[in-house]
N, C-alpha and C. Protein backbone atom coordinates (compact mmCIF):
# COMPACT_ATOMS: atom_id res chain seq x y z
N MET A 1 106.02 151.09 81.25
CA MET A 1 106.14 149.85 82.20
C MET A 1 105.33 150.24 83.41
N VAL A 2 104.65 149.23 83.78
CA VAL A 2 103.66 149.31 84.80
C VAL A 2 104.40 149.07 86.12
N ASN A 3 105.09 147.91 86.12
CA ASN A 3 105.71 147.45 87.33
C ASN A 3 106.73 148.52 87.96
N SER A 4 106.45 149.12 89.09
CA SER A 4 107.27 150.10 89.70
C SER A 4 108.59 149.60 90.24
N ILE A 5 108.60 148.39 90.72
CA ILE A 5 109.77 147.71 91.14
C ILE A 5 110.80 147.52 89.92
N ALA A 6 110.30 147.08 88.87
CA ALA A 6 111.05 146.76 87.71
C ALA A 6 111.64 148.10 87.24
N LYS A 7 110.76 149.09 87.27
CA LYS A 7 111.31 150.45 86.93
C LYS A 7 112.50 150.91 87.65
N LEU A 8 112.31 150.78 88.97
CA LEU A 8 113.40 151.10 89.92
C LEU A 8 114.70 150.46 89.63
N LEU A 9 114.50 148.93 89.41
CA LEU A 9 115.72 148.12 89.19
C LEU A 9 116.37 148.56 87.86
N LEU A 10 115.54 148.84 86.89
CA LEU A 10 116.21 149.38 85.62
C LEU A 10 116.97 150.64 85.66
N GLU A 11 116.25 151.68 86.26
CA GLU A 11 116.76 152.98 86.47
C GLU A 11 118.19 152.87 87.34
N SER A 12 118.14 151.96 88.34
CA SER A 12 119.32 151.81 89.13
C SER A 12 120.52 151.12 88.56
N GLY A 13 120.42 150.61 87.39
CA GLY A 13 121.44 149.95 86.76
C GLY A 13 121.65 148.51 87.18
N ALA A 14 120.48 147.96 87.78
CA ALA A 14 120.71 146.48 88.36
C ALA A 14 120.75 145.36 87.37
N VAL A 15 120.39 145.73 86.01
CA VAL A 15 120.58 144.83 85.01
C VAL A 15 121.65 145.23 84.19
N GLU A 16 122.71 144.17 84.02
CA GLU A 16 123.89 144.45 83.28
C GLU A 16 124.04 143.36 82.21
N PHE A 17 124.41 143.70 81.02
CA PHE A 17 124.61 142.76 79.97
C PHE A 17 126.09 142.39 79.69
N GLY A 18 126.40 141.04 79.37
CA GLY A 18 127.69 140.67 79.10
C GLY A 18 127.73 139.16 79.39
N ASP A 19 128.94 138.60 79.63
CA ASP A 19 129.16 137.14 79.96
C ASP A 19 129.24 136.88 81.34
N PHE A 20 128.27 136.33 81.93
CA PHE A 20 128.38 136.07 83.43
C PHE A 20 128.07 134.53 83.80
N VAL A 21 128.56 133.98 84.82
CA VAL A 21 128.28 132.77 85.52
C VAL A 21 127.53 132.93 86.56
N LEU A 22 126.38 132.40 86.65
CA LEU A 22 125.45 132.52 87.86
C LEU A 22 125.79 131.67 88.95
N ALA A 23 125.30 131.94 90.21
CA ALA A 23 125.44 131.11 91.30
C ALA A 23 125.35 129.42 91.08
N SER A 24 124.26 129.26 90.19
CA SER A 24 123.84 128.02 89.81
C SER A 24 124.95 127.17 88.94
N GLY A 25 125.89 127.98 88.40
CA GLY A 25 126.84 127.59 87.47
C GLY A 25 126.44 127.86 86.08
N ALA A 26 125.26 128.23 85.77
CA ALA A 26 124.72 128.43 84.48
C ALA A 26 125.41 129.70 83.84
N PRO A 27 125.70 129.69 82.60
CA PRO A 27 126.19 131.05 82.03
C PRO A 27 124.96 131.91 81.67
N SER A 28 125.23 132.94 81.59
CA SER A 28 124.10 133.90 81.32
C SER A 28 124.64 135.31 80.52
N SER A 29 123.83 135.86 79.56
CA SER A 29 124.29 137.05 78.91
C SER A 29 123.74 138.29 79.61
N TYR A 30 123.10 138.13 80.83
CA TYR A 30 122.84 139.28 81.65
C TYR A 30 122.87 138.78 82.97
N TYR A 31 122.96 139.95 83.91
CA TYR A 31 123.19 139.65 85.31
C TYR A 31 122.33 140.67 85.99
N ILE A 32 121.61 140.28 87.15
CA ILE A 32 120.73 141.18 87.79
C ILE A 32 121.29 141.20 89.29
N ASP A 33 121.77 142.40 89.46
CA ASP A 33 122.42 142.69 90.77
C ASP A 33 121.45 143.33 91.94
N ILE A 34 120.59 142.55 92.36
CA ILE A 34 119.66 143.12 93.37
C ILE A 34 120.43 143.52 94.67
N LYS A 35 121.48 142.83 95.00
CA LYS A 35 122.25 143.16 96.21
C LYS A 35 122.74 144.66 96.24
N VAL A 36 123.12 145.08 95.11
CA VAL A 36 123.61 146.48 94.84
C VAL A 36 122.49 147.46 94.83
N ALA A 37 121.44 147.05 94.18
CA ALA A 37 120.24 147.84 94.19
C ALA A 37 119.56 148.04 95.44
N THR A 38 119.67 146.99 96.29
CA THR A 38 118.99 147.18 97.68
C THR A 38 119.84 147.89 98.70
N THR A 39 121.05 148.41 98.22
CA THR A 39 121.73 149.26 99.13
C THR A 39 121.10 150.73 98.89
N ASN A 40 120.47 150.94 97.99
CA ASN A 40 119.64 152.10 97.87
C ASN A 40 118.27 152.21 98.57
N PRO A 41 118.23 153.05 99.61
CA PRO A 41 117.03 153.01 100.58
C PRO A 41 115.73 153.08 99.90
N THR A 42 115.64 153.74 98.86
CA THR A 42 114.33 154.03 98.22
C THR A 42 113.91 152.70 97.48
N ILE A 43 114.86 151.91 96.94
CA ILE A 43 114.44 150.72 96.29
C ILE A 43 114.15 149.66 97.31
N LEU A 44 115.06 149.57 98.40
CA LEU A 44 114.76 148.64 99.52
C LEU A 44 113.46 148.79 100.17
N ALA A 45 113.25 150.06 100.46
CA ALA A 45 111.86 150.43 101.09
C ALA A 45 110.81 150.15 100.20
N ALA A 46 110.82 150.20 98.85
CA ALA A 46 109.75 149.85 97.82
C ALA A 46 109.55 148.37 97.88
N ILE A 47 110.59 147.62 97.84
CA ILE A 47 110.56 146.21 97.94
C ILE A 47 109.81 145.67 99.11
N GLY A 48 110.45 146.30 100.38
CA GLY A 48 109.78 145.79 101.70
C GLY A 48 108.19 146.03 101.75
N LYS A 49 107.86 147.37 101.20
CA LYS A 49 106.51 147.60 101.38
C LYS A 49 105.72 146.72 100.34
N ALA A 50 106.09 146.44 99.19
CA ALA A 50 105.51 145.62 98.21
C ALA A 50 105.32 144.26 98.77
N VAL A 51 106.23 143.62 99.45
CA VAL A 51 106.06 142.35 99.88
C VAL A 51 105.19 142.38 101.26
N ALA A 52 105.41 143.31 102.08
CA ALA A 52 104.51 143.47 103.34
C ALA A 52 103.11 143.61 103.01
N GLU A 53 102.79 144.26 102.03
CA GLU A 53 101.36 144.52 101.66
C GLU A 53 100.77 143.34 100.82
N GLY A 54 101.64 142.48 100.27
CA GLY A 54 101.17 141.58 99.23
C GLY A 54 100.88 140.30 99.83
N TRP A 55 101.32 139.88 101.02
CA TRP A 55 101.28 138.45 101.40
C TRP A 55 101.05 138.62 103.10
N ASP A 56 100.30 137.36 103.38
CA ASP A 56 100.00 137.26 104.86
C ASP A 56 101.05 136.32 105.40
N PHE A 57 101.70 136.67 106.63
CA PHE A 57 102.73 135.97 107.29
C PHE A 57 102.87 136.28 108.72
N ASP A 58 103.34 135.39 109.61
CA ASP A 58 103.86 135.84 110.92
C ASP A 58 105.09 136.34 111.04
N THR A 59 106.12 135.74 110.30
CA THR A 59 107.46 136.01 110.32
C THR A 59 108.06 135.98 108.81
N VAL A 60 108.92 136.81 108.66
CA VAL A 60 109.71 136.87 107.14
C VAL A 60 110.94 136.29 107.44
N ALA A 61 111.60 135.67 106.45
CA ALA A 61 112.85 135.11 106.61
C ALA A 61 113.63 135.15 105.25
N GLY A 62 114.94 135.30 105.28
CA GLY A 62 115.73 135.54 104.28
C GLY A 62 117.13 134.49 104.41
N VAL A 63 117.47 134.08 103.29
CA VAL A 63 118.71 133.30 103.28
C VAL A 63 119.83 134.25 103.11
N ALA A 64 121.01 134.12 103.94
CA ALA A 64 122.12 134.99 103.73
C ALA A 64 122.66 134.79 102.50
N VAL A 65 123.08 135.74 101.64
CA VAL A 65 123.43 137.09 102.03
C VAL A 65 122.10 137.90 101.38
N GLY A 66 121.67 137.68 100.08
CA GLY A 66 120.81 138.43 99.53
C GLY A 66 119.51 138.53 99.99
N GLY A 67 118.88 137.68 100.66
CA GLY A 67 117.62 137.74 101.36
C GLY A 67 117.48 138.54 102.51
N ILE A 68 118.72 138.71 103.30
CA ILE A 68 118.69 139.34 104.57
C ILE A 68 118.15 140.76 104.61
N PRO A 69 118.74 141.73 103.60
CA PRO A 69 118.11 143.16 103.61
C PRO A 69 116.65 143.26 103.21
N ILE A 70 116.42 142.19 102.31
CA ILE A 70 114.87 142.13 101.95
C ILE A 70 114.02 141.67 103.31
N ALA A 71 114.48 140.80 103.89
CA ALA A 71 113.76 140.42 105.14
C ALA A 71 113.68 141.54 106.17
N VAL A 72 114.74 142.31 106.30
CA VAL A 72 114.53 143.40 107.33
C VAL A 72 113.70 144.41 106.79
N ALA A 73 113.67 144.78 105.46
CA ALA A 73 112.81 145.66 104.93
C ALA A 73 111.41 145.27 105.08
N VAL A 74 111.19 144.10 104.80
CA VAL A 74 109.67 143.60 104.98
C VAL A 74 109.35 143.62 106.41
N SER A 75 110.30 143.23 107.32
CA SER A 75 109.82 143.33 108.81
C SER A 75 109.52 144.80 109.16
N LEU A 76 110.36 145.73 108.79
CA LEU A 76 110.02 147.06 109.10
C LEU A 76 108.74 147.72 108.46
N ALA A 77 108.51 147.17 107.35
CA ALA A 77 107.35 147.74 106.62
C ALA A 77 106.06 147.12 107.23
N SER A 78 106.10 145.79 107.70
CA SER A 78 105.00 145.12 108.22
C SER A 78 104.87 145.07 109.74
N GLY A 79 106.02 145.48 110.55
CA GLY A 79 105.91 145.47 111.84
C GLY A 79 105.99 143.94 112.45
N ARG A 80 106.39 143.07 111.61
CA ARG A 80 106.38 141.65 112.00
C ARG A 80 107.84 141.17 112.08
N PRO A 81 108.33 140.24 112.93
CA PRO A 81 109.62 139.74 113.15
C PRO A 81 110.30 139.09 111.76
N TYR A 82 111.51 139.10 111.88
CA TYR A 82 112.26 138.46 110.77
C TYR A 82 113.17 137.52 111.43
N ALA A 83 113.54 136.43 110.47
CA ALA A 83 114.48 135.60 110.67
C ALA A 83 115.57 135.35 109.63
N ILE A 84 116.72 134.89 110.07
CA ILE A 84 117.89 134.77 109.12
C ILE A 84 118.27 133.16 108.92
N VAL A 85 118.31 132.82 107.77
CA VAL A 85 118.82 131.47 107.57
C VAL A 85 120.21 131.64 107.08
N ARG A 86 121.07 131.01 107.95
CA ARG A 86 122.55 131.08 107.64
C ARG A 86 122.89 130.10 106.55
N LYS A 87 124.06 130.33 105.71
CA LYS A 87 124.42 129.75 104.70
C LYS A 87 124.76 128.22 105.23
N GLU A 88 125.37 128.15 106.45
CA GLU A 88 125.76 126.92 107.01
C GLU A 88 125.75 127.10 108.57
N GLU A 89 125.56 126.08 109.23
CA GLU A 89 125.34 125.99 110.61
C GLU A 89 126.72 126.44 111.20
N LYS A 90 126.67 127.24 112.12
CA LYS A 90 127.94 127.64 112.92
C LYS A 90 128.10 126.74 114.19
N GLY A 91 129.32 126.49 114.42
CA GLY A 91 129.60 125.46 115.52
C GLY A 91 129.87 126.08 116.91
N HIS A 92 129.78 127.40 116.88
CA HIS A 92 130.15 128.14 118.29
C HIS A 92 129.12 128.89 118.70
N GLY A 93 129.13 129.48 119.83
CA GLY A 93 128.09 130.35 120.42
C GLY A 93 126.80 129.51 120.57
N ARG A 94 125.78 129.97 120.11
CA ARG A 94 124.36 129.37 120.20
C ARG A 94 124.05 128.31 119.24
N ALA A 95 125.15 128.42 118.17
CA ALA A 95 125.09 127.34 116.98
C ALA A 95 123.73 127.57 116.14
N GLY A 96 123.48 126.58 115.46
CA GLY A 96 122.24 126.64 114.72
C GLY A 96 122.35 127.19 113.29
N THR A 97 121.33 126.95 112.48
CA THR A 97 121.22 127.55 111.06
C THR A 97 120.28 128.71 111.15
N ILE A 98 119.29 128.74 111.99
CA ILE A 98 118.27 129.82 111.94
C ILE A 98 118.49 130.79 113.17
N ILE A 99 118.48 132.09 112.88
CA ILE A 99 118.48 133.25 113.83
C ILE A 99 117.03 133.71 113.88
N GLY A 100 116.31 133.58 115.02
CA GLY A 100 114.99 134.07 115.13
C GLY A 100 114.06 132.90 115.39
N ASP A 101 112.94 133.30 115.85
CA ASP A 101 112.00 132.31 116.24
C ASP A 101 111.04 132.02 115.23
N VAL A 102 111.11 130.82 114.68
CA VAL A 102 110.28 130.44 113.53
C VAL A 102 109.35 129.19 113.79
N ALA A 103 109.56 128.49 114.96
CA ALA A 103 108.79 127.22 115.14
C ALA A 103 107.32 127.53 115.32
N GLY A 104 106.54 126.78 114.53
CA GLY A 104 104.99 126.93 114.60
C GLY A 104 104.42 128.09 113.96
N ARG A 105 105.37 128.82 113.27
CA ARG A 105 104.85 130.23 112.66
C ARG A 105 104.68 130.10 111.13
N ASN A 106 103.90 130.87 110.76
CA ASN A 106 103.72 130.92 109.10
C ASN A 106 104.82 131.88 108.55
N VAL A 107 105.77 131.34 108.01
CA VAL A 107 106.99 132.06 107.64
C VAL A 107 107.03 132.31 106.08
N LEU A 108 107.13 133.57 105.65
CA LEU A 108 107.34 133.87 104.30
C LEU A 108 108.87 134.07 103.96
N LEU A 109 109.30 133.20 103.15
CA LEU A 109 110.75 133.11 102.80
C LEU A 109 110.90 134.20 101.63
N VAL A 110 111.85 135.15 101.72
CA VAL A 110 112.19 136.03 100.69
C VAL A 110 113.58 135.94 100.10
N GLU A 111 113.74 136.15 98.82
CA GLU A 111 115.01 136.16 98.11
C GLU A 111 115.16 137.21 97.10
N ASP A 112 116.45 137.53 96.75
CA ASP A 112 116.67 138.57 95.83
C ASP A 112 116.33 138.25 94.45
N VAL A 113 116.98 137.06 94.04
CA VAL A 113 116.82 136.72 92.70
C VAL A 113 116.74 134.97 92.77
N THR A 114 115.83 134.57 92.04
CA THR A 114 115.68 133.06 91.99
C THR A 114 115.98 132.64 90.43
N THR A 115 116.92 131.60 90.32
CA THR A 115 117.17 131.01 89.11
C THR A 115 116.67 129.54 89.08
N SER A 116 117.60 128.49 89.53
CA SER A 116 117.13 127.26 89.80
C SER A 116 116.47 126.93 90.98
N GLY A 117 116.57 127.85 91.95
CA GLY A 117 115.84 127.75 93.25
C GLY A 117 116.85 127.22 94.41
N GLY A 118 118.08 127.06 94.09
CA GLY A 118 118.92 126.41 95.10
C GLY A 118 118.98 126.96 96.43
N SER A 119 119.09 128.32 96.63
CA SER A 119 119.17 128.95 97.90
C SER A 119 117.94 128.97 98.69
N VAL A 120 116.74 129.00 97.92
CA VAL A 120 115.53 128.94 98.62
C VAL A 120 115.15 127.64 98.92
N LEU A 121 115.56 126.53 98.17
CA LEU A 121 115.26 125.31 98.59
C LEU A 121 116.00 124.84 99.80
N TYR A 122 117.28 125.35 99.86
CA TYR A 122 118.08 125.13 101.24
C TYR A 122 117.36 125.92 102.48
N GLY A 123 116.90 127.23 102.19
CA GLY A 123 116.20 127.81 103.28
C GLY A 123 114.91 127.31 103.69
N LEU A 124 114.18 126.62 102.71
CA LEU A 124 112.99 126.10 102.95
C LEU A 124 113.18 124.91 103.71
N ALA A 125 114.22 124.03 103.45
CA ALA A 125 114.55 122.81 104.31
C ALA A 125 114.90 123.22 105.62
N ALA A 126 115.72 124.26 105.73
CA ALA A 126 116.24 124.70 107.08
C ALA A 126 115.03 125.12 107.92
N LEU A 127 114.09 126.03 107.35
CA LEU A 127 112.96 126.55 108.20
C LEU A 127 112.15 125.62 108.65
N ARG A 128 111.76 124.51 107.75
CA ARG A 128 110.86 123.34 107.99
C ARG A 128 111.41 122.53 109.00
N ALA A 129 112.85 122.27 108.95
CA ALA A 129 113.45 121.54 109.97
C ALA A 129 113.37 122.16 111.46
N ALA A 130 113.32 123.47 111.42
CA ALA A 130 113.18 124.30 112.73
C ALA A 130 111.65 124.47 113.19
N GLY A 131 110.77 123.68 112.39
CA GLY A 131 109.45 123.87 112.91
C GLY A 131 108.50 124.87 112.28
N ALA A 132 109.16 125.53 111.13
CA ALA A 132 108.26 126.67 110.66
C ALA A 132 107.32 126.16 109.53
N ARG A 133 106.17 126.74 109.32
CA ARG A 133 105.26 126.46 108.18
C ARG A 133 105.61 127.40 107.10
N VAL A 134 106.06 126.84 105.95
CA VAL A 134 106.45 127.57 104.75
C VAL A 134 105.79 127.14 103.46
N ASP A 135 105.06 127.86 102.91
CA ASP A 135 104.27 127.42 101.67
C ASP A 135 104.52 128.34 100.56
N ARG A 136 105.16 129.61 100.82
CA ARG A 136 105.47 130.49 99.79
C ARG A 136 106.71 131.13 99.93
N VAL A 137 107.32 131.40 98.66
CA VAL A 137 108.59 132.12 98.56
C VAL A 137 108.28 133.40 97.73
N VAL A 138 108.67 134.46 98.09
CA VAL A 138 108.50 135.69 97.46
C VAL A 138 110.07 136.27 97.02
N THR A 139 110.21 136.26 95.70
CA THR A 139 111.45 136.71 95.05
C THR A 139 111.31 138.11 94.48
N VAL A 140 112.35 138.93 94.62
CA VAL A 140 112.20 140.26 93.79
C VAL A 140 112.27 139.97 92.49
N VAL A 141 113.15 139.20 91.82
CA VAL A 141 113.18 138.77 90.53
C VAL A 141 113.34 137.36 90.12
N ASP A 142 112.37 136.77 89.54
CA ASP A 142 112.43 135.44 89.23
C ASP A 142 112.91 135.36 87.67
N ARG A 143 114.08 134.70 87.47
CA ARG A 143 114.69 134.51 86.22
C ARG A 143 113.96 133.48 85.13
N GLU A 144 112.94 132.88 85.81
CA GLU A 144 112.08 132.11 84.95
C GLU A 144 112.74 130.99 84.31
N THR A 145 113.64 130.23 85.13
CA THR A 145 114.49 129.12 84.80
C THR A 145 114.44 128.00 85.73
N GLY A 146 113.25 127.71 86.28
CA GLY A 146 113.26 126.39 87.00
C GLY A 146 112.89 126.61 88.51
N ALA A 147 113.06 127.67 89.16
CA ALA A 147 112.72 127.80 90.57
C ALA A 147 111.35 127.53 90.95
N HIS A 148 110.42 127.89 90.01
CA HIS A 148 109.07 127.83 90.18
C HIS A 148 108.62 126.33 90.34
N GLU A 149 109.18 125.63 89.41
CA GLU A 149 109.16 124.15 89.38
C GLU A 149 109.59 123.45 90.47
N ALA A 150 110.81 123.73 90.79
CA ALA A 150 111.57 123.10 91.95
C ALA A 150 110.86 123.39 93.26
N LEU A 151 110.28 124.54 93.47
CA LEU A 151 109.62 124.83 94.73
C LEU A 151 108.14 124.16 94.78
N ALA A 152 107.56 124.03 93.62
CA ALA A 152 106.18 123.23 93.53
C ALA A 152 106.48 122.01 93.89
N GLU A 153 107.51 121.28 93.61
CA GLU A 153 107.69 119.80 93.94
C GLU A 153 107.99 119.71 95.45
N LYS A 154 108.08 120.75 96.07
CA LYS A 154 108.29 120.88 97.57
C LYS A 154 107.14 121.39 98.22
N GLY A 155 105.94 121.61 97.49
CA GLY A 155 104.85 121.99 98.04
C GLY A 155 104.74 123.46 98.37
N THR A 156 105.70 124.23 97.76
CA THR A 156 105.75 125.70 97.94
C THR A 156 105.56 126.41 96.65
N SER A 157 104.88 127.52 96.73
CA SER A 157 104.76 128.32 95.62
C SER A 157 105.73 129.69 95.52
N LEU A 158 106.01 129.88 94.41
CA LEU A 158 106.99 131.18 94.23
C LEU A 158 106.15 132.19 93.55
N SER A 159 106.29 133.46 94.20
CA SER A 159 105.64 134.68 93.61
C SER A 159 106.89 135.64 93.34
N ALA A 160 106.89 136.36 92.32
CA ALA A 160 107.70 137.25 92.00
C ALA A 160 107.29 138.65 92.00
N LEU A 161 108.04 139.67 92.44
CA LEU A 161 107.62 141.02 92.35
C LEU A 161 107.89 141.43 90.80
N VAL A 162 108.94 140.97 90.12
CA VAL A 162 109.35 141.18 88.90
C VAL A 162 109.87 139.79 88.18
N ARG A 163 109.27 139.59 87.04
CA ARG A 163 109.79 138.61 86.11
C ARG A 163 110.87 138.98 85.22
N VAL A 164 111.89 138.15 85.04
CA VAL A 164 113.05 138.66 84.22
C VAL A 164 112.44 139.17 82.77
N SER A 165 111.43 138.50 82.28
CA SER A 165 110.95 138.85 80.98
C SER A 165 110.43 140.26 80.94
N GLU A 166 109.97 140.81 82.18
CA GLU A 166 109.60 142.31 82.28
C GLU A 166 110.70 143.25 82.13
N LEU A 167 111.89 142.70 82.78
CA LEU A 167 113.18 143.61 82.78
C LEU A 167 113.72 143.53 81.43
N LEU A 168 113.85 142.39 80.70
CA LEU A 168 114.45 142.34 79.46
C LEU A 168 113.65 142.91 78.20
N ASN A 169 112.32 142.89 78.43
CA ASN A 169 111.40 143.19 77.37
C ASN A 169 110.77 144.54 77.56
N GLY A 170 110.84 145.01 78.83
CA GLY A 170 110.22 146.37 79.23
C GLY A 170 110.83 147.53 78.84
């Protein structure tokens, strides 16, 4: 296997087989647990470095919860700021959906796993509403089940560090 991120994910046990229901509601015979894998600093640093070196951006952003540690790792590896997209707007304190300065910036949106693209579509809309320029999403693993097409309809491309076919066939 050539893909070093895929190798780290497989070695960490991030891919499990059984009967699962995904966040999209779809059934699956396997589950990819990037959240647990990214609690390992070696894996998280490798992901951060791969994204930081692979794309040009002013700010990196992640949607809570899975995208946040990835955004922080990319920020540390690149020396560029990060932003957080909350799952929902809070009504107290400073309120708002976005934490961080994204207005007028070229923002790279990162995600742990993409399936249908629901979380990143939400993040994309929130970032654009806040004045960010977002034309690319980078996911650690693309399940290859519609996110690419859904983002293309919004004028945004999807890049994956790992495709699920690499994990299942590697």
